[in-house]
C-alpha atoms as a PDB file:
ATOM      1  CA  MET A   1     -57.276  24.738 -65.295  1.00  0.00           C
ATOM      2  CA  GLY A   2     -55.896  21.352 -66.061  1.00  0.00           C
ATOM      3  CA  ILE A   3     -52.455  19.924 -65.951  1.00  0.00           C
ATOM      4  CA  GLU A   4     -51.325  17.760 -68.796  1.00  0.00           C
ATOM      5  CA  ARG A   5     -48.887  15.075 -67.809  1.00  0.00           C
ATOM      6  CA  ASN A   6     -46.618  13.397 -70.295  1.00  0.00           C
ATOM      7  CA  ASP A   7     -43.154  12.012 -70.671  1.00  0.00           C
ATOM      8  CA  ARG A   8     -43.122  10.452 -67.176  1.00  0.00           C
ATOM      9  CA  LYS A   9     -39.981   8.522 -66.238  1.00  0.00           C
ATOM     10  CA  GLU A  10     -38.689   6.975 -62.994  1.00  0.00           C
ATOM     11  CA  ARG A  11     -35.003   6.430 -62.445  1.00  0.00           C
ATOM     12  CA  VAL A  12     -33.442   4.315 -59.737  1.00  0.00           C
ATOM     13  CA  ASP A  13     -29.787   4.362 -58.729  1.00  0.00           C
ATOM     14  CA  GLU A  14     -27.889   3.170 -55.667  1.00  0.00           C
ATOM     15  CA  ARG A  15     -28.270   6.425 -53.772  1.00  0.00           C
ATOM     16  CA  GLU A  16     -31.863   7.699 -54.195  1.00  0.00           C
ATOM     17  CA  TYR A  17     -35.082   7.663 -56.160  1.00  0.00           C
ATOM     18  CA  ARG A  18     -35.906  10.611 -58.315  1.00  0.00           C
ATOM     19  CA  PHE A  19     -39.180  11.325 -60.087  1.00  0.00           C
ATOM     20  CA  GLU A  20     -39.040  13.645 -63.058  1.00  0.00           C
ATOM     21  CA  GLN A  21     -42.273  15.314 -64.004  1.00  0.00           C
ATOM     22  CA  ARG A  22     -42.948  17.973 -66.579  1.00  0.00           C
ATOM     23  CA  GLN A  23     -45.622  20.535 -65.764  1.00  0.00           C
ATOM     24  CA  SER A  24     -46.526  23.574 -67.865  1.00  0.00           C
ATOM     25  CA  GLY A  25     -43.194  23.568 -69.645  1.00  0.00           C
ATOM     26  CA  TYR A  26     -41.131  23.248 -66.428  1.00  0.00           C
ATOM     27  CA  ASP A  27     -39.255  20.229 -65.101  1.00  0.00           C
ATOM     28  CA  TYR A  28     -39.355  19.313 -61.421  1.00  0.00           C
ATOM     29  CA  ASP A  29     -37.205  16.729 -59.610  1.00  0.00           C
ATOM     30  CA  TYR A  30     -38.708  15.247 -56.479  1.00  0.00           C
ATOM     31  CA  PRO A  31     -36.159  13.417 -54.295  1.00  0.00           C
ATOM     32  CA  LEU A  32     -37.716  10.562 -52.447  1.00  0.00           C
ATOM     33  CA  PRO A  33     -36.329   9.383 -49.080  1.00  0.00           C
ATOM     34  CA  ARG A  34     -33.899   6.514 -48.922  1.00  0.00           C
ATOM     35  CA  GLN A  35     -35.809   3.294 -48.569  1.00  0.00           C
ATOM     36  CA  ARG A  36     -33.046   0.958 -47.510  1.00  0.00           C
ATOM     37  CA  LYS A  37     -31.668   0.467 -44.026  1.00  0.00           C
ATOM     38  CA  SER A  38     -28.600  -1.441 -43.058  1.00  0.00           C
ATOM     39  CA  ILE A  39     -29.010  -5.001 -41.914  1.00  0.00           C
ATOM     40  CA  PHE A  40     -27.490  -4.096 -38.568  1.00  0.00           C
ATOM     41  CA  ARG A  41     -30.053  -1.394 -37.886  1.00  0.00           C
ATOM     42  CA  ARG A  42     -32.860  -3.830 -38.590  1.00  0.00           C
ATOM     43  CA  LEU A  43     -31.433  -6.663 -36.497  1.00  0.00           C
ATOM     44  CA  TRP A  44     -29.710  -5.108 -33.495  1.00  0.00           C
ATOM     45  CA  LEU A  45     -32.867  -4.845 -31.393  1.00  0.00           C
ATOM     46  CA  PRO A  46     -33.970  -8.479 -31.940  1.00  0.00           C
ATOM     47  CA  ILE A  47     -30.428  -9.645 -31.154  1.00  0.00           C
ATOM     48  CA  CYS A  48     -30.364  -7.674 -27.897  1.00  0.00           C
ATOM     49  CA  ILE A  49     -33.761  -9.066 -26.928  1.00  0.00           C
ATOM     50  CA  VAL A  50     -32.634 -12.644 -27.588  1.00  0.00           C
ATOM     51  CA  VAL A  51     -29.455 -12.197 -25.513  1.00  0.00           C
ATOM     52  CA  LEU A  52     -31.451 -10.646 -22.671  1.00  0.00           C
ATOM     53  CA  LEU A  53     -33.993 -13.465 -22.705  1.00  0.00           C
ATOM     54  CA  LEU A  54     -31.217 -16.067 -22.663  1.00  0.00           C
ATOM     55  CA  GLY A  55     -29.673 -14.377 -19.643  1.00  0.00           C
ATOM     56  CA  ILE A  56     -33.017 -14.226 -17.817  1.00  0.00           C
ATOM     57  CA  TRP A  57     -33.701 -17.875 -18.632  1.00  0.00           C
ATOM     58  CA  SER A  58     -30.266 -18.937 -17.378  1.00  0.00           C
ATOM     59  CA  VAL A  59     -30.673 -17.027 -14.121  1.00  0.00           C
ATOM     60  CA  ALA A  60     -34.132 -18.553 -13.656  1.00  0.00           C
ATOM     61  CA  GLN A  61     -32.770 -22.067 -14.216  1.00  0.00           C
ATOM     62  CA  ASN A  62     -29.471 -21.867 -12.333  1.00  0.00           C
ATOM     63  CA  GLY A  63     -29.322 -18.511 -10.570  1.00  0.00           C
ATOM     64  CA  LEU A  64     -26.247 -16.263 -10.509  1.00  0.00           C
ATOM     65  CA  ILE A  65     -23.332 -18.416  -9.451  1.00  0.00           C
ATOM     66  CA  VAL A  66     -20.824 -16.942  -6.991  1.00  0.00           C
ATOM     67  CA  LYS A  67     -18.273 -19.353  -5.565  1.00  0.00           C
ATOM     68  CA  HIS A  68     -15.158 -18.848  -3.448  1.00  0.00           C
ATOM     69  CA  SER A  69     -12.777 -21.686  -2.708  1.00  0.00           C
ATOM     70  CA  GLU A  70      -9.444 -21.748  -0.892  1.00  0.00           C
ATOM     71  CA  LEU A  71      -6.534 -23.206  -2.830  1.00  0.00           C
ATOM     72  CA  PRO A  72      -3.775 -25.219  -1.100  1.00  0.00           C
ATOM     73  CA  VAL A  73      -1.360 -23.043   0.881  1.00  0.00           C
ATOM     74  CA  ARG A  74       2.123 -22.840  -0.610  1.00  0.00           C
ATOM     75  CA  SER A  75       5.310 -22.040   1.322  1.00  0.00           C
ATOM     76  CA  PHE A  76       8.866 -21.250   0.188  1.00  0.00           C
ATOM     77  CA  THR A  77      11.961 -20.948   2.388  1.00  0.00           C
ATOM     78  CA  LEU A  78      14.775 -18.554   1.498  1.00  0.00           C
ATOM     79  CA  ALA A  79      18.383 -18.932   2.632  1.00  0.00           C
ATOM     80  CA  ASN A  80      19.354 -15.293   2.135  1.00  0.00           C
ATOM     81  CA  HIS A  81      18.005 -12.035   0.744  1.00  0.00           C
ATOM     82  CA  GLY A  82      15.547 -13.000  -1.989  1.00  0.00           C
ATOM     83  CA  THR A  83      13.202 -11.800  -4.710  1.00  0.00           C
ATOM     84  CA  LEU A  84       9.567 -12.384  -5.622  1.00  0.00           C
ATOM     85  CA  ARG A  85       8.189 -12.109  -9.154  1.00  0.00           C
ATOM     86  CA  PHE A  86       4.392 -12.057  -9.420  1.00  0.00           C
ATOM     87  CA  ASP A  87       2.327 -11.941 -12.618  1.00  0.00           C
ATOM     88  CA  GLY A  88      -1.443 -11.879 -12.065  1.00  0.00           C
ATOM     89  CA  GLY A  89      -4.717 -11.115 -13.807  1.00  0.00           C
ATOM     90  CA  ALA A  90      -7.968  -9.624 -12.531  1.00  0.00           C
ATOM     91  CA  GLY A  91      -7.637 -10.757  -8.923  1.00  0.00           C
ATOM     92  CA  ASN A  92      -6.527  -8.605  -5.997  1.00  0.00           C
ATOM     93  CA  LEU A  93      -3.065  -8.918  -4.471  1.00  0.00           C
ATOM     94  CA  ARG A  94      -2.204  -8.268  -0.824  1.00  0.00           C
ATOM     95  CA  ILE A  95       1.379  -8.587   0.429  1.00  0.00           C
ATOM     96  CA  HIS A  96       2.603  -7.883   3.954  1.00  0.00           C
ATOM     97  CA  GLY A  97       6.069  -8.237   5.416  1.00  0.00           C
ATOM     98  CA  GLU A  98       6.933 -10.126   8.591  1.00  0.00           C
ATOM     99  CA  PRO A  99      10.201 -11.172  10.260  1.00  0.00           C
ATOM    100  CA  GLY A 100      11.531 -14.501   9.001  1.00  0.00           C
ATOM    101  CA  ASN A 101      12.760 -16.128   5.817  1.00  0.00           C
ATOM    102  CA  SER A 102       9.590 -17.672   4.368  1.00  0.00           C
ATOM    103  CA  ILE A 103       7.104 -16.756   1.666  1.00  0.00           C
ATOM    104  CA  VAL A 104       3.622 -18.075   2.442  1.00  0.00           C
ATOM    105  CA  VAL A 105       0.907 -17.872  -0.223  1.00  0.00           C
ATOM    106  CA  HIS A 106      -2.834 -18.029   0.455  1.00  0.00           C
ATOM    107  CA  ALA A 107      -4.912 -18.027  -2.739  1.00  0.00           C
ATOM    108  CA  THR A 108      -8.680 -17.895  -3.225  1.00  0.00           C
ATOM    109  CA  SER A 109     -10.390 -18.917  -6.456  1.00  0.00           C
ATOM    110  CA  ASN A 110     -13.485 -16.889  -7.330  1.00  0.00           C
ATOM    111  CA  VAL A 111     -16.214 -17.762  -9.837  1.00  0.00           C
ATOM    112  CA  ILE A 112     -18.907 -15.296 -10.882  1.00  0.00           C
ATOM    113  CA  GLY A 113     -21.284 -16.098 -13.707  1.00  0.00           C
ATOM    114  CA  LEU A 114     -24.394 -17.811 -14.978  1.00  0.00           C
ATOM    115  CA  GLN A 115     -22.992 -21.114 -16.158  1.00  0.00           C
ATOM    116  CA  ALA A 116     -19.974 -22.164 -14.120  1.00  0.00           C
ATOM    117  CA  PRO A 117     -19.450 -25.490 -15.965  1.00  0.00           C
ATOM    118  CA  GLU A 118     -18.486 -23.494 -19.053  1.00  0.00           C
ATOM    119  CA  ILE A 119     -15.686 -21.719 -17.194  1.00  0.00           C
ATOM    120  CA  THR A 120     -12.358 -23.505 -17.357  1.00  0.00           C
ATOM    121  CA  GLU A 121     -10.166 -23.851 -14.283  1.00  0.00           C
ATOM    122  CA  ALA A 122      -8.024 -20.832 -13.456  1.00  0.00           C
ATOM    123  CA  GLN A 123      -4.374 -21.763 -13.215  1.00  0.00           C
ATOM    124  CA  VAL A 124      -1.575 -20.876 -10.801  1.00  0.00           C
ATOM    125  CA  SER A 125       2.037 -21.845 -11.298  1.00  0.00           C
ATOM    126  CA  TYR A 126       4.839 -21.617  -8.727  1.00  0.00           C
ATOM    127  CA  SER A 127       8.575 -21.943  -9.146  1.00  0.00           C
ATOM    128  CA  GLN A 128      11.675 -21.412  -7.017  1.00  0.00           C
ATOM    129  CA  ASP A 129      15.261 -20.997  -8.158  1.00  0.00           C
ATOM    130  CA  GLY A 130      17.483 -20.534  -5.123  1.00  0.00           C
ATOM    131  CA  ASN A 131      16.234 -17.406  -3.371  1.00  0.00           C
ATOM    132  CA  ALA A 132      14.067 -16.313  -6.299  1.00  0.00           C
ATOM    133  CA  VAL A 133      10.370 -17.234  -6.243  1.00  0.00           C
ATOM    134  CA  ALA A 134       7.971 -16.736  -9.167  1.00  0.00           C
ATOM    135  CA  ILE A 135       4.160 -16.912  -9.099  1.00  0.00           C
ATOM    136  CA  ARG A 136       1.968 -16.706 -12.184  1.00  0.00           C
ATOM    137  CA  SER A 137      -1.835 -16.603 -12.170  1.00  0.00           C
ATOM    138  CA  GLN A 138      -3.930 -17.022 -15.307  1.00  0.00           C
ATOM    139  CA  ASP A 139      -7.623 -16.112 -15.282  1.00  0.00           C
ATOM    140  CA  SER A 140     -10.240 -17.883 -17.347  1.00  0.00           C
ATOM    141  CA  SER A 141     -13.677 -17.045 -18.671  1.00  0.00           C
ATOM    142  CA  GLY A 142     -16.661 -18.591 -20.392  1.00  0.00           C
ATOM    143  CA  LEU A 143     -19.568 -17.246 -22.376  1.00  0.00           C
ATOM    144  CA  LEU A 144     -21.450 -16.188 -19.240  1.00  0.00           C
ATOM    145  CA  GLY A 145     -18.901 -16.053 -16.449  1.00  0.00           C
ATOM    146  CA  VAL A 146     -15.357 -15.478 -15.226  1.00  0.00           C
ATOM    147  CA  ARG A 147     -12.937 -17.120 -12.807  1.00  0.00           C
ATOM    148  CA  TYR A 148     -10.076 -15.232 -11.145  1.00  0.00           C
ATOM    149  CA  ILE A 149      -7.786 -15.651  -8.140  1.00  0.00           C
ATOM    150  CA  ASP A 150      -7.060 -13.363  -5.170  1.00  0.00           C
ATOM    151  CA  PHE A 151      -3.759 -13.654  -3.305  1.00  0.00           C
ATOM    152  CA  ASP A 152      -2.703 -12.919   0.270  1.00  0.00           C
ATOM    153  CA  ILE A 153       1.061 -13.360   0.616  1.00  0.00           C
ATOM    154  CA  THR A 154       3.349 -13.056   3.639  1.00  0.00           C
ATOM    155  CA  VAL A 155       6.990 -12.281   2.830  1.00  0.00           C
ATOM    156  CA  PRO A 156      10.241 -11.347   4.626  1.00  0.00           C
ATOM    157  CA  THR A 157      10.301  -7.586   5.179  1.00  0.00           C
ATOM    158  CA  ALA A 158      13.516  -7.042   3.171  1.00  0.00           C
ATOM    159  CA  LEU A 159      12.358  -8.968   0.091  1.00  0.00           C
ATOM    160  CA  ASP A 160      12.786  -7.310  -3.318  1.00  0.00           C
ATOM    161  CA  MET A 161       9.687  -7.633  -5.484  1.00  0.00           C
ATOM    162  CA  ASP A 162       8.550  -7.239  -9.084  1.00  0.00           C
ATOM    163  CA  LEU A 163       4.742  -7.337  -9.191  1.00  0.00           C
ATOM    164  CA  GLU A 164       2.283  -6.944 -12.055  1.00  0.00           C
ATOM    165  CA  VAL A 165      -1.491  -7.467 -12.225  1.00  0.00           C
ATOM    166  CA  GLY A 166      -3.950  -6.832 -15.027  1.00  0.00           C
ATOM    167  CA  SER A 167      -6.917  -5.114 -13.394  1.00  0.00           C
ATOM    168  CA  GLY A 168      -6.894  -6.050  -9.715  1.00  0.00           C
ATOM    169  CA  ASN A 169      -5.947  -3.866  -6.760  1.00  0.00           C
ATOM    170  CA  ILE A 170      -2.591  -4.128  -4.996  1.00  0.00           C
ATOM    171  CA  ASP A 171      -2.119  -3.560  -1.254  1.00  0.00           C
ATOM    172  CA  ILE A 172       1.347  -3.863   0.314  1.00  0.00           C
ATOM    173  CA  SER A 173       2.641  -3.068   3.798  1.00  0.00           C
ATOM    174  CA  ASN A 174       5.653  -3.304   6.133  1.00  0.00           C
ATOM    175  CA  LEU A 175       8.322  -3.767   3.465  1.00  0.00           C
ATOM    176  CA  LYS A 176      11.941  -2.588   3.234  1.00  0.00           C
ATOM    177  CA  GLY A 177      13.068  -4.033  -0.092  1.00  0.00           C
ATOM    178  CA  ASN A 178      13.152  -2.482  -3.549  1.00  0.00           C
ATOM    179  CA  LEU A 179       9.746  -2.613  -5.220  1.00  0.00           C
ATOM    180  CA  ALA A 180       8.659  -2.497  -8.868  1.00  0.00           C
ATOM    181  CA  ILE A 181       4.861  -2.640  -9.078  1.00  0.00           C
ATOM    182  CA  LYS A 182       2.487  -2.232 -12.012  1.00  0.00           C
ATOM    183  CA  THR A 183      -1.273  -2.555 -12.369  1.00  0.00           C
ATOM    184  CA  GLY A 184      -3.290  -2.024 -15.524  1.00  0.00           C
ATOM    185  CA  SER A 185      -6.408  -0.407 -14.086  1.00  0.00           C
ATOM    186  CA  GLY A 186      -6.500  -1.193 -10.377  1.00  0.00           C
ATOM    187  CA  ASN A 187      -5.551   0.930  -7.379  1.00  0.00           C
ATOM    188  CA  LEU A 188      -2.212   0.622  -5.609  1.00  0.00           C
ATOM    189  CA  GLN A 189      -1.789   1.270  -1.896  1.00  0.00           C
ATOM    190  CA  ALA A 190       1.485   1.002   0.043  1.00  0.00           C
ATOM    191  CA  ARG A 191       1.925   1.504   3.788  1.00  0.00           C
ATOM    192  CA  ALA A 192       5.024   1.459   5.996  1.00  0.00           C
ATOM    193  CA  ILE A 193       7.521   0.905   3.205  1.00  0.00           C
ATOM    194  CA  ASN A 194      11.187   1.882   3.211  1.00  0.00           C
ATOM    195  CA  GLY A 195      13.043   1.368  -0.031  1.00  0.00           C
ATOM    196  CA  GLN A 196      13.476   2.336  -3.652  1.00  0.00           C
ATOM    197  CA  ASP A 197      10.169   2.104  -5.457  1.00  0.00           C
ATOM    198  CA  ALA A 198       8.719   2.255  -8.971  1.00  0.00           C
ATOM    199  CA  PHE A 199       4.908   2.192  -8.983  1.00  0.00           C
ATOM    200  CA  SER A 200       2.673   2.612 -12.026  1.00  0.00           C
ATOM    201  CA  SER A 201      -1.038   2.278 -12.775  1.00  0.00           C
ATOM    202  CA  GLY A 202      -2.822   2.693 -16.079  1.00  0.00           C
ATOM    203  CA  SER A 203      -5.930   4.354 -14.658  1.00  0.00           C
ATOM    204  CA  GLY A 204      -5.988   3.652 -10.915  1.00  0.00           C
ATOM    205  CA  ASN A 205      -4.989   5.697  -7.877  1.00  0.00           C
ATOM    206  CA  ILE A 206      -1.633   5.375  -6.110  1.00  0.00           C
ATOM    207  CA  VAL A 207      -1.283   5.986  -2.362  1.00  0.00           C
ATOM    208  CA  VAL A 208       2.006   5.708  -0.443  1.00  0.00           C
ATOM    209  CA  GLU A 209       1.933   6.473   3.278  1.00  0.00           C
ATOM    210  CA  GLN A 210       3.547   5.827   6.661  1.00  0.00           C
ATOM    211  CA  GLY A 211       7.087   5.226   5.493  1.00  0.00           C
ATOM    212  CA  GLN A 212      10.282   6.625   4.012  1.00  0.00           C
ATOM    213  CA  VAL A 213      10.963   6.213   0.332  1.00  0.00           C
ATOM    214  CA  SER A 214      14.598   6.389  -0.703  1.00  0.00           C
ATOM    215  CA  GLY A 215      16.885   6.237  -3.718  1.00  0.00           C
ATOM    216  CA  ARG A 216      15.123   6.831  -7.028  1.00  0.00           C
ATOM    217  CA  THR A 217      11.351   6.594  -6.612  1.00  0.00           C
ATOM    218  CA  MET A 218       8.782   6.881  -9.419  1.00  0.00           C
ATOM    219  CA  LEU A 219       4.997   7.033  -9.019  1.00  0.00           C
ATOM    220  CA  LYS A 220       3.097   7.233 -12.315  1.00  0.00           C
ATOM    221  CA  SER A 221      -0.587   6.948 -13.209  1.00  0.00           C
ATOM    222  CA  GLY A 222      -2.286   7.398 -16.549  1.00  0.00           C
ATOM    223  CA  SER A 223      -5.413   9.077 -15.188  1.00  0.00           C
ATOM    224  CA  GLY A 224      -5.603   8.401 -11.439  1.00  0.00           C
ATOM    225  CA  ASN A 225      -4.731  10.457  -8.369  1.00  0.00           C
ATOM    226  CA  ILE A 226      -1.407  10.134  -6.549  1.00  0.00           C
ATOM    227  CA  ARG A 227      -0.797  10.722  -2.840  1.00  0.00           C
ATOM    228  CA  LEU A 228       2.613  10.511  -1.176  1.00  0.00           C
ATOM    229  CA  ASP A 229       2.551  10.794   2.610  1.00  0.00           C
ATOM    230  CA  ALA A 230       6.079   9.812   3.624  1.00  0.00           C
ATOM    231  CA  ALA A 231       9.515  11.133   4.535  1.00  0.00           C
ATOM    232  CA  LEU A 232      11.957  11.902   1.728  1.00  0.00           C
ATOM    233  CA  ASP A 233      15.592  10.862   1.591  1.00  0.00           C
ATOM    234  CA  PRO A 234      17.595  14.102   1.036  1.00  0.00           C
ATOM    235  CA  SER A 235      19.915  12.232  -1.324  1.00  0.00           C
ATOM    236  CA  GLY A 236      17.047  10.631  -3.263  1.00  0.00           C
ATOM    237  CA  SER A 237      15.188  11.596  -6.425  1.00  0.00           C
ATOM    238  CA  TYR A 238      11.418  11.433  -6.819  1.00  0.00           C
ATOM    239  CA  GLU A 239       9.235  11.567  -9.922  1.00  0.00           C
ATOM    240  CA  LEU A 240       5.443  11.787  -9.605  1.00  0.00           C
ATOM    241  CA  SER A 241       3.292  12.136 -12.712  1.00  0.00           C
ATOM    242  CA  THR A 242      -0.307  11.617 -13.808  1.00  0.00           C
ATOM    243  CA  GLY A 243      -2.164  12.424 -16.981  1.00  0.00           C
ATOM    244  CA  SER A 244      -5.340  13.901 -15.513  1.00  0.00           C
ATOM    245  CA  GLY A 245      -5.445  13.275 -11.751  1.00  0.00           C
ATOM    246  CA  ASN A 246      -4.412  15.301  -8.715  1.00  0.00           C
ATOM    247  CA  ILE A 247      -1.072  14.874  -6.952  1.00  0.00           C
ATOM    248  CA  THR A 248      -0.851  15.442  -3.195  1.00  0.00           C
ATOM    249  CA  LEU A 249       2.355  15.331  -1.138  1.00  0.00           C
ATOM    250  CA  ALA A 250       2.104  15.403   2.663  1.00  0.00           C
ATOM    251  CA  LEU A 251       5.700  15.885   3.817  1.00  0.00           C
ATOM    252  CA  PRO A 252       7.326  16.418   7.238  1.00  0.00           C
ATOM    253  CA  ALA A 253       7.962  20.058   8.142  1.00  0.00           C
ATOM    254  CA  ASN A 254      11.723  19.396   8.311  1.00  0.00           C
ATOM    255  CA  SER A 255      11.883  18.017   4.762  1.00  0.00           C
ATOM    256  CA  SER A 256      14.698  19.094   2.463  1.00  0.00           C
ATOM    257  CA  PHE A 257      14.027  19.143  -1.282  1.00  0.00           C
ATOM    258  CA  HIS A 258      14.128  21.095  -4.528  1.00  0.00           C
ATOM    259  CA  LEU A 259      10.734  21.180  -6.255  1.00  0.00           C
ATOM    260  CA  ASN A 260      10.168  21.157  -9.991  1.00  0.00           C
ATOM    261  CA  ALA A 261       6.381  21.171 -10.506  1.00  0.00           C
ATOM    262  CA  SER A 262       4.257  21.638 -13.621  1.00  0.00           C
ATOM    263  CA  THR A 263       0.588  21.300 -14.549  1.00  0.00           C
ATOM    264  CA  ASP A 264      -1.067  22.211 -17.838  1.00  0.00           C
ATOM    265  CA  SER A 265      -4.463  23.309 -16.541  1.00  0.00           C
ATOM    266  CA  GLY A 266      -4.495  22.651 -12.784  1.00  0.00           C
ATOM    267  CA  ASN A 267      -3.393  24.718  -9.778  1.00  0.00           C
ATOM    268  CA  LEU A 268      -0.234  24.549  -7.648  1.00  0.00           C
ATOM    269  CA  ASN A 269      -0.650  24.936  -3.883  1.00  0.00           C
ATOM    270  CA  ASN A 270       2.679  24.798  -2.015  1.00  0.00           C
ATOM    271  CA  ALA A 271       2.392  25.058   1.776  1.00  0.00           C
ATOM    272  CA  PHE A 272       6.204  25.261   2.041  1.00  0.00           C
ATOM    273  CA  GLY A 273       6.160  28.552   0.128  1.00  0.00           C
ATOM    274  CA  SER A 274       9.288  27.868  -1.899  1.00  0.00           C
ATOM    275  CA  THR A 275      10.752  25.498  -4.450  1.00  0.00           C
ATOM    276  CA  ASP A 276      13.964  25.172  -2.395  1.00  0.00           C
ATOM    277  CA  VAL A 277      13.158  23.817   1.045  1.00  0.00           C
ATOM    278  CA  GLY A 278      15.527  22.908   3.885  1.00  0.00           C
ATOM    279  CA  GLN A 279      19.284  23.164   4.294  1.00  0.00           C
ATOM    280  CA  GLY A 280      22.179  21.133   2.964  1.00  0.00           C
ATOM    281  CA  THR A 281      21.523  18.287   0.561  1.00  0.00           C
ATOM    282  CA  ARG A 282      18.082  18.451  -1.008  1.00  0.00           C
ATOM    283  CA  ALA A 283      16.064  15.662  -2.587  1.00  0.00           C
ATOM    284  CA  ALA A 284      15.159  16.198  -6.239  1.00  0.00           C
ATOM    285  CA  LEU A 285      11.359  16.303  -6.406  1.00  0.00           C
ATOM    286  CA  SER A 286       9.708  16.367  -9.851  1.00  0.00           C
ATOM    287  CA  VAL A 287       5.901  16.587  -9.969  1.00  0.00           C
ATOM    288  CA  ASP A 288       3.838  16.757 -13.163  1.00  0.00           C
ATOM    289  CA  SER A 289       0.081  16.617 -13.782  1.00  0.00           C
ATOM    290  CA  GLY A 290      -1.501  17.033 -17.182  1.00  0.00           C
ATOM    291  CA  SER A 291      -4.777  18.568 -16.006  1.00  0.00           C
ATOM    292  CA  GLY A 292      -4.965  18.027 -12.239  1.00  0.00           C
ATOM    293  CA  ASN A 293      -3.907  20.026  -9.196  1.00  0.00           C
ATOM    294  CA  ILE A 294      -0.593  19.743  -7.347  1.00  0.00           C
ATOM    295  CA  ILE A 295      -0.776  20.156  -3.571  1.00  0.00           C
ATOM    296  CA  LEU A 296       2.134  20.191  -1.083  1.00  0.00           C
ATOM    297  CA  GLN A 297       1.154  19.903   2.588  1.00  0.00           C
ATOM    298  CA  ARG A 298       3.319  20.358   5.720  1.00  0.00           C
ATOM    299  CA  ARG A 299       2.783  17.888   8.535  1.00  0.00           C
END
């Protein structure tokens, strides 16, 4: 039995190839697979290989460069109660309070990369207007490296501060002033503080311990955990919130507060056994977690 083929035609359009063939009075369409691939799919592997080889060659020639250098120490004298404004980048920030009326700044420049000459100098600017001191740090980067600055600052214990860093960690201790602190993705830790505080982190953890927070205090994190281990001011108000982390409060047994707690999908564990705790004036305590647990501990 033979098959007679006639009227054969091939059509090409932008989507697919089709071959039309007539057999024994019937028409059949045979879709053929797409023959074209995007330029990106053809080139991504060679590009990755080239970049990898360049990195290996650079390390072989120069090695990974890691440099730390101390910058000149800066000191500022205050006549009365003062303020500090800090605006930083990827470096870490440590601030500790001591008796006195001086702000002393120790800064360390850090370089990590493959080709340090391509990295421009990181910059620090200082200014003082009366009892107000401002510090600004600007990071820099090259094709194969980055330069950032860490700070260790000693301040008067009663200094008010407004601090902001991009992605570094913040560690503060022994402070009695009012504090406004923000970090984009780093962790924030505060010890032995006594004042009105507003702390926020985009995705890092917040820990406050060994102190008494007063007035209106706000601790907020986008996705990190929050821990408050401190005494509450009965006349104060406290707001703790996180999008997806856990919130833990370790409070003295003689605390006095009214609790308003909510979590969308987490659990609430309240060791005090009630939302109204203590006698007389009660602190207003608002705690909210999007998907984490809320834990109240007695100590």
